[in-house]
Amino acid sequence: MMFRIDPTSDEPLFEQLVAQVRIGVARGELAHGERLPAARELAQALEVNVHTVLKAYQVLRDEGLVDLRRGRGAVVTGRSRAELSAVERAMADLIRAAKAAHLSPDATATLVKEAMR
């Protein structure tokens, strides 16, 4: 999986990384047992501080999407694709409703973020 960040985005860098792993798991691009890049390696490739990557990995650990073990790194333990299919269907419904209401992607994302708090 290729990680990308947008340093000009308002979203913190660690949250951008977290979102990419969540999406990768949801789409089946990251499978159970797959290792994520070492924090130092990913930080160097993205030209960010290693603590940024470590914070992202810790958030993912707290959510149960990865297992962090000394010497093994971050390993995907996330939910299976089948478990997320209900969420994907609900998102498709949400997107259709947002488009019908002429909401922008940013406005829709803001509504979702507020609802998740």
PDB file of N, CA and C in Angstrom:
ATOM      1  N   MET A   1       0.845  -1.180   0.000  1.00  0.00           N
ATOM      2  CA  MET A   1       0.000   0.000   0.000  1.00  0.00           C
ATOM      3  C   MET A   1       0.889   1.240   0.000  1.00  0.00           C
ATOM      4  N   MET A   2       0.530   2.194  -0.830  1.00  0.00           N
ATOM      5  CA  MET A   2       1.276   3.439  -0.937  1.00  0.00           C
ATOM      6  C   MET A   2       0.639   4.478  -0.014  1.00  0.00           C
ATOM      7  N   PHE A   3       1.440   5.058   0.857  1.00  0.00           N
ATOM      8  CA  PHE A   3       0.962   6.099   1.751  1.00  0.00           C
ATOM      9  C   PHE A   3       1.293   7.455   1.156  1.00  0.00           C
ATOM     10  N   ARG A   4       0.340   8.372   1.276  1.00  0.00           N
ATOM     11  CA  ARG A   4       0.540   9.743   0.807  1.00  0.00           C
ATOM     12  C   ARG A   4       0.021  10.694   1.863  1.00  0.00           C
ATOM     13  N   ILE A   5       0.653  11.830   1.970  1.00  0.00           N
ATOM     14  CA  ILE A   5       0.165  12.870   2.865  1.00  0.00           C
ATOM     15  C   ILE A   5       0.094  14.179   2.098  1.00  0.00           C
ATOM     16  N   ASP A   6      -0.764  15.054   2.587  1.00  0.00           N
ATOM     17  CA  ASP A   6      -0.892  16.387   2.006  1.00  0.00           C
ATOM     18  C   ASP A   6      -0.530  17.388   3.091  1.00  0.00           C
ATOM     19  N   PRO A   7       0.689  17.904   3.071  1.00  0.00           N
ATOM     20  CA  PRO A   7       1.108  18.834   4.116  1.00  0.00           C
ATOM     21  C   PRO A   7       0.323  20.144   4.128  1.00  0.00           C
ATOM     22  N   THR A   8      -0.420  20.439   3.054  1.00  0.00           N
ATOM     23  CA  THR A   8      -1.201  21.675   3.008  1.00  0.00           C
ATOM     24  C   THR A   8      -2.614  21.485   3.559  1.00  0.00           C
ATOM     25  N   SER A   9      -2.983  20.251   3.856  1.00  0.00           N
ATOM     26  CA  SER A   9      -4.323  19.961   4.369  1.00  0.00           C
ATOM     27  C   SER A   9      -4.471  20.443   5.806  1.00  0.00           C
ATOM     28  N   ASP A  10      -5.711  20.783   6.174  1.00  0.00           N
ATOM     29  CA  ASP A  10      -6.006  21.156   7.557  1.00  0.00           C
ATOM     30  C   ASP A  10      -5.991  19.935   8.474  1.00  0.00           C
ATOM     31  N   GLU A  11      -6.147  18.744   7.883  1.00  0.00           N
ATOM     32  CA  GLU A  11      -6.155  17.519   8.670  1.00  0.00           C
ATOM     33  C   GLU A  11      -4.728  17.194   9.116  1.00  0.00           C
ATOM     34  N   PRO A  12      -4.539  16.913  10.425  1.00  0.00           N
ATOM     35  CA  PRO A  12      -3.195  16.589  10.905  1.00  0.00           C
ATOM     36  C   PRO A  12      -2.593  15.404  10.134  1.00  0.00           C
ATOM     37  N   LEU A  13      -1.291  15.403  10.012  1.00  0.00           N
ATOM     38  CA  LEU A  13      -0.603  14.367   9.237  1.00  0.00           C
ATOM     39  C   LEU A  13      -0.880  12.970   9.778  1.00  0.00           C
ATOM     40  N   PHE A  14      -0.866  12.807  11.113  1.00  0.00           N
ATOM     41  CA  PHE A  14      -1.099  11.479  11.665  1.00  0.00           C
ATOM     42  C   PHE A  14      -2.511  10.998  11.345  1.00  0.00           C
ATOM     43  N   GLU A  15      -3.485  11.915  11.320  1.00  0.00           N
ATOM     44  CA  GLU A  15      -4.852  11.528  10.988  1.00  0.00           C
ATOM     45  C   GLU A  15      -4.977  11.134   9.518  1.00  0.00           C
ATOM     46  N   GLN A  16      -4.186  11.753   8.653  1.00  0.00           N
ATOM     47  CA  GLN A  16      -4.180  11.365   7.247  1.00  0.00           C
ATOM     48  C   GLN A  16      -3.693   9.920   7.104  1.00  0.00           C
ATOM     49  N   LEU A  17      -2.664   9.568   7.865  1.00  0.00           N
ATOM     50  CA  LEU A  17      -2.150   8.198   7.825  1.00  0.00           C
ATOM     51  C   LEU A  17      -3.174   7.211   8.379  1.00  0.00           C
ATOM     52  N   VAL A  18      -3.811   7.570   9.487  1.00  0.00           N
ATOM     53  CA  VAL A  18      -4.835   6.717  10.091  1.00  0.00           C
ATOM     54  C   VAL A  18      -5.959   6.462   9.085  1.00  0.00           C
ATOM     55  N   ALA A  19      -6.404   7.517   8.433  1.00  0.00           N
ATOM     56  CA  ALA A  19      -7.496   7.394   7.467  1.00  0.00           C
ATOM     57  C   ALA A  19      -7.122   6.466   6.324  1.00  0.00           C
ATOM     58  N   GLN A  20      -5.877   6.540   5.868  1.00  0.00           N
ATOM     59  CA  GLN A  20      -5.452   5.691   4.761  1.00  0.00           C
ATOM     60  C   GLN A  20      -5.458   4.211   5.149  1.00  0.00           C
ATOM     61  N   VAL A  21      -5.048   3.917   6.381  1.00  0.00           N
ATOM     62  CA  VAL A  21      -5.076   2.520   6.826  1.00  0.00           C
ATOM     63  C   VAL A  21      -6.522   2.054   6.987  1.00  0.00           C
ATOM     64  N   ARG A  22      -7.364   2.898   7.569  1.00  0.00           N
ATOM     65  CA  ARG A  22      -8.781   2.531   7.706  1.00  0.00           C
ATOM     66  C   ARG A  22      -9.389   2.196   6.350  1.00  0.00           C
ATOM     67  N   ILE A  23      -9.123   3.045   5.378  1.00  0.00           N
ATOM     68  CA  ILE A  23      -9.662   2.832   4.027  1.00  0.00           C
ATOM     69  C   ILE A  23      -9.077   1.566   3.415  1.00  0.00           C
ATOM     70  N   GLY A  24      -7.781   1.363   3.604  1.00  0.00           N
ATOM     71  CA  GLY A  24      -7.140   0.161   3.073  1.00  0.00           C
ATOM     72  C   GLY A  24      -7.749  -1.112   3.638  1.00  0.00           C
ATOM     73  N   VAL A  25      -8.048  -1.105   4.929  1.00  0.00           N
ATOM     74  CA  VAL A  25      -8.692  -2.261   5.553  1.00  0.00           C
ATOM     75  C   VAL A  25     -10.109  -2.418   5.021  1.00  0.00           C
ATOM     76  N   ALA A  26     -10.843  -1.309   4.949  1.00  0.00           N
ATOM     77  CA  ALA A  26     -12.233  -1.360   4.489  1.00  0.00           C
ATOM     78  C   ALA A  26     -12.346  -1.871   3.058  1.00  0.00           C
ATOM     79  N   ARG A  27     -11.402  -1.512   2.224  1.00  0.00           N
ATOM     80  CA  ARG A  27     -11.434  -1.919   0.816  1.00  0.00           C
ATOM     81  C   ARG A  27     -10.784  -3.283   0.572  1.00  0.00           C
ATOM     82  N   GLY A  28     -10.224  -3.850   1.612  1.00  0.00           N
ATOM     83  CA  GLY A  28      -9.563  -5.135   1.453  1.00  0.00           C
ATOM     84  C   GLY A  28      -8.171  -5.029   0.879  1.00  0.00           C
ATOM     85  N   GLU A  29      -7.618  -3.815   0.795  1.00  0.00           N
ATOM     86  CA  GLU A  29      -6.266  -3.615   0.280  1.00  0.00           C
ATOM     87  C   GLU A  29      -5.218  -4.001   1.321  1.00  0.00           C
ATOM     88  N   LEU A  30      -5.603  -3.952   2.594  1.00  0.00           N
ATOM     89  CA  LEU A  30      -4.745  -4.387   3.690  1.00  0.00           C
ATOM     90  C   LEU A  30      -5.424  -5.570   4.353  1.00  0.00           C
ATOM     91  N   ALA A  31      -4.750  -6.697   4.345  1.00  0.00           N
ATOM     92  CA  ALA A  31      -5.337  -7.923   4.864  1.00  0.00           C
ATOM     93  C   ALA A  31      -4.880  -8.203   6.292  1.00  0.00           C
ATOM     94  N   HIS A  32      -5.678  -8.985   6.974  1.00  0.00           N
ATOM     95  CA  HIS A  32      -5.344  -9.435   8.318  1.00  0.00           C
ATOM     96  C   HIS A  32      -3.967 -10.098   8.291  1.00  0.00           C
ATOM     97  N   GLY A  33      -3.091  -9.681   9.210  1.00  0.00           N
ATOM     98  CA  GLY A  33      -1.755 -10.254   9.288  1.00  0.00           C
ATOM     99  C   GLY A  33      -0.705  -9.525   8.472  1.00  0.00           C
ATOM    100  N   GLU A  34      -1.128  -8.592   7.642  1.00  0.00           N
ATOM    101  CA  GLU A  34      -0.176  -7.836   6.820  1.00  0.00           C
ATOM    102  C   GLU A  34       0.551  -6.810   7.673  1.00  0.00           C
ATOM    103  N   ARG A  35       1.847  -6.699   7.439  1.00  0.00           N
ATOM    104  CA  ARG A  35       2.654  -5.734   8.192  1.00  0.00           C
ATOM    105  C   ARG A  35       2.645  -4.375   7.519  1.00  0.00           C
ATOM    106  N   LEU A  36       2.524  -3.350   8.335  1.00  0.00           N
ATOM    107  CA  LEU A  36       2.673  -1.982   7.843  1.00  0.00           C
ATOM    108  C   LEU A  36       4.159  -1.643   7.851  1.00  0.00           C
ATOM    109  N   PRO A  37       4.554  -0.648   7.089  1.00  0.00           N
ATOM    110  CA  PRO A  37       5.976  -0.277   7.082  1.00  0.00           C
ATOM    111  C   PRO A  37       6.446   0.111   8.481  1.00  0.00           C
ATOM    112  N   ALA A  38       7.707  -0.130   8.745  1.00  0.00           N
ATOM    113  CA  ALA A  38       8.294   0.296  10.015  1.00  0.00           C
ATOM    114  C   ALA A  38       8.119   1.806  10.139  1.00  0.00           C
ATOM    115  N   ALA A  39       7.885   2.267  11.360  1.00  0.00           N
ATOM    116  CA  ALA A  39       7.619   3.691  11.593  1.00  0.00           C
ATOM    117  C   ALA A  39       8.748   4.572  11.068  1.00  0.00           C
ATOM    118  N   ARG A  40       9.975   4.189  11.333  1.00  0.00           N
ATOM    119  CA  ARG A  40      11.123   5.002  10.874  1.00  0.00           C
ATOM    120  C   ARG A  40      11.188   5.033   9.347  1.00  0.00           C
ATOM    121  N   GLU A  41      10.955   3.883   8.744  1.00  0.00           N
ATOM    122  CA  GLU A  41      10.997   3.782   7.287  1.00  0.00           C
ATOM    123  C   GLU A  41       9.912   4.641   6.638  1.00  0.00           C
ATOM    124  N   LEU A  42       8.685   4.560   7.179  1.00  0.00           N
ATOM    125  CA  LEU A  42       7.579   5.340   6.628  1.00  0.00           C
ATOM    126  C   LEU A  42       7.799   6.829   6.854  1.00  0.00           C
ATOM    127  N   ALA A  43       8.274   7.190   8.034  1.00  0.00           N
ATOM    128  CA  ALA A  43       8.549   8.602   8.324  1.00  0.00           C
ATOM    129  C   ALA A  43       9.578   9.161   7.356  1.00  0.00           C
ATOM    130  N   GLN A  44      10.617   8.380   7.100  1.00  0.00           N
ATOM    131  CA  GLN A  44      11.658   8.834   6.180  1.00  0.00           C
ATOM    132  C   GLN A  44      11.108   8.972   4.759  1.00  0.00           C
ATOM    133  N   ALA A  45      10.301   8.005   4.327  1.00  0.00           N
ATOM    134  CA  ALA A  45       9.745   8.040   2.969  1.00  0.00           C
ATOM    135  C   ALA A  45       8.806   9.224   2.778  1.00  0.00           C
ATOM    136  N   LEU A  46       8.048   9.562   3.828  1.00  0.00           N
ATOM    137  CA  LEU A  46       7.078  10.657   3.741  1.00  0.00           C
ATOM    138  C   LEU A  46       7.663  12.002   4.169  1.00  0.00           C
ATOM    139  N   GLU A  47       8.901  11.959   4.657  1.00  0.00           N
ATOM    140  CA  GLU A  47       9.571  13.161   5.152  1.00  0.00           C
ATOM    141  C   GLU A  47       8.787  13.823   6.283  1.00  0.00           C
ATOM    142  N   VAL A  48       8.391  12.990   7.259  1.00  0.00           N
ATOM    143  CA  VAL A  48       7.715  13.475   8.457  1.00  0.00           C
ATOM    144  C   VAL A  48       8.470  12.953   9.678  1.00  0.00           C
ATOM    145  N   ASN A  49       8.140  13.487  10.827  1.00  0.00           N
ATOM    146  CA  ASN A  49       8.740  13.047  12.073  1.00  0.00           C
ATOM    147  C   ASN A  49       8.271  11.636  12.400  1.00  0.00           C
ATOM    148  N   VAL A  50       9.154  10.820  12.927  1.00  0.00           N
ATOM    149  CA  VAL A  50       8.792   9.441  13.274  1.00  0.00           C
ATOM    150  C   VAL A  50       7.665   9.406  14.301  1.00  0.00           C
ATOM    151  N   HIS A  51       7.578  10.418  15.158  1.00  0.00           N
ATOM    152  CA  HIS A  51       6.512  10.465  16.164  1.00  0.00           C
ATOM    153  C   HIS A  51       5.138  10.639  15.528  1.00  0.00           C
ATOM    154  N   THR A  52       5.094  11.252  14.361  1.00  0.00           N
ATOM    155  CA  THR A  52       3.832  11.392  13.617  1.00  0.00           C
ATOM    156  C   THR A  52       3.324  10.010  13.217  1.00  0.00           C
ATOM    157  N   VAL A  53       4.206   9.184  12.692  1.00  0.00           N
ATOM    158  CA  VAL A  53       3.827   7.823  12.286  1.00  0.00           C
ATOM    159  C   VAL A  53       3.477   6.996  13.512  1.00  0.00           C
ATOM    160  N   LEU A  54       4.270   7.113  14.573  1.00  0.00           N
ATOM    161  CA  LEU A  54       3.995   6.345  15.785  1.00  0.00           C
ATOM    162  C   LEU A  54       2.644   6.717  16.387  1.00  0.00           C
ATOM    163  N   LYS A  55       2.299   7.999  16.342  1.00  0.00           N
ATOM    164  CA  LYS A  55       0.995   8.417  16.856  1.00  0.00           C
ATOM    165  C   LYS A  55      -0.124   7.800  16.016  1.00  0.00           C
ATOM    166  N   ALA A  56       0.037   7.786  14.707  1.00  0.00           N
ATOM    167  CA  ALA A  56      -0.964   7.167  13.834  1.00  0.00           C
ATOM    168  C   ALA A  56      -1.102   5.684  14.166  1.00  0.00           C
ATOM    169  N   TYR A  57       0.011   4.993  14.332  1.00  0.00           N
ATOM    170  CA  TYR A  57      -0.024   3.569  14.654  1.00  0.00           C
ATOM    171  C   TYR A  57      -0.683   3.326  16.015  1.00  0.00           C
ATOM    172  N   GLN A  58      -0.451   4.223  16.973  1.00  0.00           N
ATOM    173  CA  GLN A  58      -1.075   4.074  18.292  1.00  0.00           C
ATOM    174  C   GLN A  58      -2.591   4.264  18.213  1.00  0.00           C
ATOM    175  N   VAL A  59      -3.043   5.221  17.414  1.00  0.00           N
ATOM    176  CA  VAL A  59      -4.481   5.422  17.223  1.00  0.00           C
ATOM    177  C   VAL A  59      -5.098   4.166  16.602  1.00  0.00           C
ATOM    178  N   LEU A  60      -4.429   3.626  15.599  1.00  0.00           N
ATOM    179  CA  LEU A  60      -4.914   2.414  14.941  1.00  0.00           C
ATOM    180  C   LEU A  60      -4.927   1.230  15.913  1.00  0.00           C
ATOM    181  N   ARG A  61      -3.936   1.167  16.776  1.00  0.00           N
ATOM    182  CA  ARG A  61      -3.915   0.125  17.811  1.00  0.00           C
ATOM    183  C   ARG A  61      -5.099   0.283  18.759  1.00  0.00           C
ATOM    184  N   ASP A  62      -5.343   1.509  19.189  1.00  0.00           N
ATOM    185  CA  ASP A  62      -6.447   1.773  20.109  1.00  0.00           C
ATOM    186  C   ASP A  62      -7.801   1.429  19.491  1.00  0.00           C
ATOM    187  N   GLU A  63      -7.897   1.546  18.169  1.00  0.00           N
ATOM    188  CA  GLU A  63      -9.130   1.211  17.456  1.00  0.00           C
ATOM    189  C   GLU A  63      -9.233  -0.285  17.159  1.00  0.00           C
ATOM    190  N   GLY A  64      -8.160  -1.017  17.420  1.00  0.00           N
ATOM    191  CA  GLY A  64      -8.168  -2.446  17.157  1.00  0.00           C
ATOM    192  C   GLY A  64      -7.866  -2.825  15.717  1.00  0.00           C
ATOM    193  N   LEU A  65      -7.364  -1.890  14.938  1.00  0.00           N
ATOM    194  CA  LEU A  65      -7.055  -2.185  13.534  1.00  0.00           C
ATOM    195  C   LEU A  65      -5.654  -2.738  13.333  1.00  0.00           C
ATOM    196  N   VAL A  66      -4.743  -2.431  14.254  1.00  0.00           N
ATOM    197  CA  VAL A  66      -3.395  -2.986  14.169  1.00  0.00           C
ATOM    198  C   VAL A  66      -2.944  -3.454  15.545  1.00  0.00           C
ATOM    199  N   ASP A  67      -1.999  -4.358  15.523  1.00  0.00           N
ATOM    200  CA  ASP A  67      -1.364  -4.851  16.734  1.00  0.00           C
ATOM    201  C   ASP A  67       0.070  -4.360  16.697  1.00  0.00           C
ATOM    202  N   LEU A  68       0.512  -3.713  17.761  1.00  0.00           N
ATOM    203  CA  LEU A  68       1.885  -3.219  17.827  1.00  0.00           C
ATOM    204  C   LEU A  68       2.684  -4.115  18.759  1.00  0.00           C
ATOM    205  N   ARG A  69       3.745  -4.683  18.222  1.00  0.00           N
ATOM    206  CA  ARG A  69       4.608  -5.535  19.033  1.00  0.00           C
ATOM    207  C   ARG A  69       6.052  -5.175  18.768  1.00  0.00           C
ATOM    208  N   ARG A  70       6.793  -5.095  19.854  1.00  0.00           N
ATOM    209  CA  ARG A  70       8.215  -4.769  19.739  1.00  0.00           C
ATOM    210  C   ARG A  70       8.897  -5.839  18.879  1.00  0.00           C
ATOM    211  N   GLY A  71       9.635  -5.399  17.887  1.00  0.00           N
ATOM    212  CA  GLY A  71      10.344  -6.318  17.019  1.00  0.00           C
ATOM    213  C   GLY A  71       9.535  -6.789  15.820  1.00  0.00           C
ATOM    214  N   ARG A  72       8.202  -6.725  15.911  1.00  0.00           N
ATOM    215  CA  ARG A  72       7.349  -7.142  14.788  1.00  0.00           C
ATOM    216  C   ARG A  72       6.755  -5.957  14.066  1.00  0.00           C
ATOM    217  N   GLY A  73       6.684  -4.827  14.732  1.00  0.00           N
ATOM    218  CA  GLY A  73       6.097  -3.639  14.124  1.00  0.00           C
ATOM    219  C   GLY A  73       4.582  -3.650  14.192  1.00  0.00           C
ATOM    220  N   ALA A  74       3.969  -2.965  13.261  1.00  0.00           N
ATOM    221  CA  ALA A  74       2.508  -2.833  13.205  1.00  0.00           C
ATOM    222  C   ALA A  74       1.959  -3.875  12.238  1.00  0.00           C
ATOM    223  N   VAL A  75       1.062  -4.720  12.763  1.00  0.00           N
ATOM    224  CA  VAL A  75       0.464  -5.784  11.968  1.00  0.00           C
ATOM    225  C   VAL A  75      -1.041  -5.565  11.934  1.00  0.00           C
ATOM    226  N   VAL A  76      -1.633  -5.637  10.759  1.00  0.00           N
ATOM    227  CA  VAL A  76      -3.070  -5.417  10.597  1.00  0.00           C
ATOM    228  C   VAL A  76      -3.838  -6.553  11.270  1.00  0.00           C
ATOM    229  N   THR A  77      -4.742  -6.179  12.144  1.00  0.00           N
ATOM    230  CA  THR A  77      -5.613  -7.149  12.804  1.00  0.00           C
ATOM    231  C   THR A  77      -7.062  -6.779  12.551  1.00  0.00           C
ATOM    232  N   GLY A  78      -7.236  -5.777  11.687  1.00  0.00           N
ATOM    233  CA  GLY A  78      -8.528  -5.134  11.473  1.00  0.00           C
ATOM    234  C   GLY A  78      -9.658  -6.040  11.068  1.00  0.00           C
ATOM    235  N   ARG A  79     -10.780  -5.418  11.041  1.00  0.00           N
ATOM    236  CA  ARG A  79     -12.020  -6.097  10.709  1.00  0.00           C
ATOM    237  C   ARG A  79     -11.989  -6.624   9.281  1.00  0.00           C
ATOM    238  N   SER A  80     -12.706  -7.683   9.066  1.00  0.00           N
ATOM    239  CA  SER A  80     -12.762  -8.244   7.720  1.00  0.00           C
ATOM    240  C   SER A  80     -13.635  -7.376   6.825  1.00  0.00           C
ATOM    241  N   ARG A  81     -13.495  -7.576   5.553  1.00  0.00           N
ATOM    242  CA  ARG A  81     -14.294  -6.840   4.566  1.00  0.00           C
ATOM    243  C   ARG A  81     -15.780  -7.055   4.813  1.00  0.00           C
ATOM    244  N   ALA A  82     -16.172  -8.269   5.171  1.00  0.00           N
ATOM    245  CA  ALA A  82     -17.583  -8.569   5.407  1.00  0.00           C
ATOM    246  C   ALA A  82     -18.142  -7.734   6.553  1.00  0.00           C
ATOM    247  N   GLU A  83     -17.335  -7.514   7.569  1.00  0.00           N
ATOM    248  CA  GLU A  83     -17.793  -6.726   8.713  1.00  0.00           C
ATOM    249  C   GLU A  83     -18.031  -5.267   8.342  1.00  0.00           C
ATOM    250  N   LEU A  84     -17.343  -4.796   7.338  1.00  0.00           N
ATOM    251  CA  LEU A  84     -17.454  -3.395   6.953  1.00  0.00           C
ATOM    252  C   LEU A  84     -18.447  -3.157   5.820  1.00  0.00           C
ATOM    253  N   SER A  85     -18.990  -4.210   5.241  1.00  0.00           N
ATOM    254  CA  SER A  85     -19.887  -4.027   4.101  1.00  0.00           C
ATOM    255  C   SER A  85     -21.142  -3.251   4.489  1.00  0.00           C
ATOM    256  N   ALA A  86     -21.649  -3.433   5.703  1.00  0.00           N
ATOM    257  CA  ALA A  86     -22.819  -2.678   6.146  1.00  0.00           C
ATOM    258  C   ALA A  86     -22.508  -1.190   6.213  1.00  0.00           C
ATOM    259  N   VAL A  87     -21.307  -0.863   6.654  1.00  0.00           N
ATOM    260  CA  VAL A  87     -20.888   0.539   6.721  1.00  0.00           C
ATOM    261  C   VAL A  87     -20.763   1.106   5.309  1.00  0.00           C
ATOM    262  N   GLU A  88     -20.202   0.322   4.398  1.00  0.00           N
ATOM    263  CA  GLU A  88     -20.065   0.788   3.023  1.00  0.00           C
ATOM    264  C   GLU A  88     -21.426   1.054   2.387  1.00  0.00           C
ATOM    265  N   ARG A  89     -22.403   0.181   2.668  1.00  0.00           N
ATOM    266  CA  ARG A  89     -23.761   0.401   2.131  1.00  0.00           C
ATOM    267  C   ARG A  89     -24.364   1.674   2.712  1.00  0.00           C
ATOM    268  N   ALA A  90     -24.194   1.877   4.010  1.00  0.00           N
ATOM    269  CA  ALA A  90     -24.717   3.082   4.648  1.00  0.00           C
ATOM    270  C   ALA A  90     -24.046   4.334   4.085  1.00  0.00           C
ATOM    271  N   MET A  91     -22.740   4.243   3.821  1.00  0.00           N
ATOM    272  CA  MET A  91     -22.020   5.383   3.244  1.00  0.00           C
ATOM    273  C   MET A  91     -22.545   5.701   1.843  1.00  0.00           C
ATOM    274  N   ALA A  92     -22.833   4.678   1.072  1.00  0.00           N
ATOM    275  CA  ALA A  92     -23.377   4.902  -0.277  1.00  0.00           C
ATOM    276  C   ALA A  92     -24.711   5.630  -0.178  1.00  0.00           C
ATOM    277  N   ASP A  93     -25.545   5.238   0.784  1.00  0.00           N
ATOM    278  CA  ASP A  93     -26.825   5.923   0.994  1.00  0.00           C
ATOM    279  C   ASP A  93     -26.596   7.370   1.423  1.00  0.00           C
ATOM    280  N   LEU A  94     -25.646   7.575   2.311  1.00  0.00           N
ATOM    281  CA  LEU A  94     -25.334   8.924   2.787  1.00  0.00           C
ATOM    282  C   LEU A  94     -24.862   9.805   1.634  1.00  0.00           C
ATOM    283  N   ILE A  95     -23.995   9.269   0.808  1.00  0.00           N
ATOM    284  CA  ILE A  95     -23.471  10.048  -0.324  1.00  0.00           C
ATOM    285  C   ILE A  95     -24.586  10.426  -1.292  1.00  0.00           C
ATOM    286  N   ARG A  96     -25.473   9.481  -1.564  1.00  0.00           N
ATOM    287  CA  ARG A  96     -26.614   9.798  -2.447  1.00  0.00           C
ATOM    288  C   ARG A  96     -27.471  10.904  -1.846  1.00  0.00           C
ATOM    289  N   ALA A  97     -27.738  10.822  -0.548  1.00  0.00           N
ATOM    290  CA  ALA A  97     -28.558  11.843   0.120  1.00  0.00           C
ATOM    291  C   ALA A  97     -27.843  13.199   0.135  1.00  0.00           C
ATOM    292  N   ALA A  98     -26.538  13.191   0.376  1.00  0.00           N
ATOM    293  CA  ALA A  98     -25.769  14.439   0.407  1.00  0.00           C
ATOM    294  C   ALA A  98     -25.760  15.103  -0.974  1.00  0.00           C
ATOM    295  N   LYS A  99     -25.597  14.295  -2.016  1.00  0.00           N
ATOM    296  CA  LYS A  99     -25.623  14.847  -3.372  1.00  0.00           C
ATOM    297  C   LYS A  99     -26.999  15.409  -3.708  1.00  0.00           C
ATOM    298  N   ALA A 100     -28.053  14.708  -3.286  1.00  0.00           N
ATOM    299  CA  ALA A 100     -29.418  15.183  -3.534  1.00  0.00           C
ATOM    300  C   ALA A 100     -29.675  16.503  -2.808  1.00  0.00           C
ATOM    301  N   ALA A 101     -29.037  16.686  -1.651  1.00  0.00           N
ATOM    302  CA  ALA A 101     -29.182  17.924  -0.884  1.00  0.00           C
ATOM    303  C   ALA A 101     -28.175  18.983  -1.316  1.00  0.00           C
ATOM    304  N   HIS A 102     -27.369  18.680  -2.345  1.00  0.00           N
ATOM    305  CA  HIS A 102     -26.363  19.602  -2.883  1.00  0.00           C
ATOM    306  C   HIS A 102     -25.323  20.005  -1.841  1.00  0.00           C
ATOM    307  N   LEU A 103     -24.940  19.049  -0.979  1.00  0.00           N
ATOM    308  CA  LEU A 103     -23.891  19.301   0.006  1.00  0.00           C
ATOM    309  C   LEU A 103     -22.532  19.024  -0.625  1.00  0.00           C
ATOM    310  N   SER A 104     -21.567  19.815  -0.273  1.00  0.00           N
ATOM    311  CA  SER A 104     -20.205  19.592  -0.766  1.00  0.00           C
ATOM    312  C   SER A 104     -19.591  18.409  -0.015  1.00  0.00           C
ATOM    313  N   PRO A 105     -18.537  17.815  -0.574  1.00  0.00           N
ATOM    314  CA  PRO A 105     -17.849  16.742   0.157  1.00  0.00           C
ATOM    315  C   PRO A 105     -17.335  17.209   1.524  1.00  0.00           C
ATOM    316  N   ASP A 106     -16.841  18.444   1.593  1.00  0.00           N
ATOM    317  CA  ASP A 106     -16.350  18.963   2.874  1.00  0.00           C
ATOM    318  C   ASP A 106     -17.473  19.105   3.891  1.00  0.00           C
ATOM    319  N   ALA A 107     -18.626  19.604   3.455  1.00  0.00           N
ATOM    320  CA  ALA A 107     -19.758  19.761   4.364  1.00  0.00           C
ATOM    321  C   ALA A 107     -20.249  18.394   4.842  1.00  0.00           C
ATOM    322  N   THR A 108     -20.273  17.437   3.939  1.00  0.00           N
ATOM    323  CA  THR A 108     -20.692  16.086   4.299  1.00  0.00           C
ATOM    324  C   THR A 108     -19.718  15.476   5.303  1.00  0.00           C
ATOM    325  N   ALA A 109     -18.432  15.634   5.047  1.00  0.00           N
ATOM    326  CA  ALA A 109     -17.416  15.105   5.963  1.00  0.00           C
ATOM    327  C   ALA A 109     -17.533  15.751   7.338  1.00  0.00           C
ATOM    328  N   THR A 110     -17.784  17.039   7.368  1.00  0.00           N
ATOM    329  CA  THR A 110     -17.950  17.738   8.642  1.00  0.00           C
ATOM    330  C   THR A 110     -19.137  17.183   9.419  1.00  0.00           C
ATOM    331  N   LEU A 111     -20.250  16.949   8.724  1.00  0.00           N
ATOM    332  CA  LEU A 111     -21.427  16.377   9.374  1.00  0.00           C
ATOM    333  C   LEU A 111     -21.125  14.981   9.943  1.00  0.00           C
ATOM    334  N   VAL A 112     -20.406  14.187   9.184  1.00  0.00           N
ATOM    335  CA  VAL A 112     -20.055  12.846   9.649  1.00  0.00           C
ATOM    336  C   VAL A 112     -19.133  12.930  10.864  1.00  0.00           C
ATOM    337  N   LYS A 113     -18.128  13.786  10.810  1.00  0.00           N
ATOM    338  CA  LYS A 113     -17.207  13.931  11.939  1.00  0.00           C
ATOM    339  C   LYS A 113     -17.933  14.386  13.193  1.00  0.00           C
ATOM    340  N   GLU A 114     -18.848  15.329  13.051  1.00  0.00           N
ATOM    341  CA  GLU A 114     -19.605  15.811  14.202  1.00  0.00           C
ATOM    342  C   GLU A 114     -20.509  14.704  14.773  1.00  0.00           C
ATOM    343  N   ALA A 115     -21.095  13.910  13.914  1.00  0.00           N
ATOM    344  CA  ALA A 115     -21.964  12.832  14.353  1.00  0.00           C
ATOM    345  C   ALA A 115     -21.184  11.733  15.091  1.00  0.00           C
ATOM    346  N   MET A 116     -19.916  11.581  14.756  1.00  0.00           N
ATOM    347  CA  MET A 116     -19.090  10.535  15.364  1.00  0.00           C
ATOM    348  C   MET A 116     -18.562  10.929  16.745  1.00  0.00           C
ATOM    349  N   ARG A 117     -18.693  12.158  17.123  1.00  0.00           N
ATOM    350  CA  ARG A 117     -18.147  12.609  18.429  1.00  0.00           C
ATOM    351  C   ARG A 117     -18.984  12.161  19.570  1.00  0.00           C
TER     352      ARG A 117
END
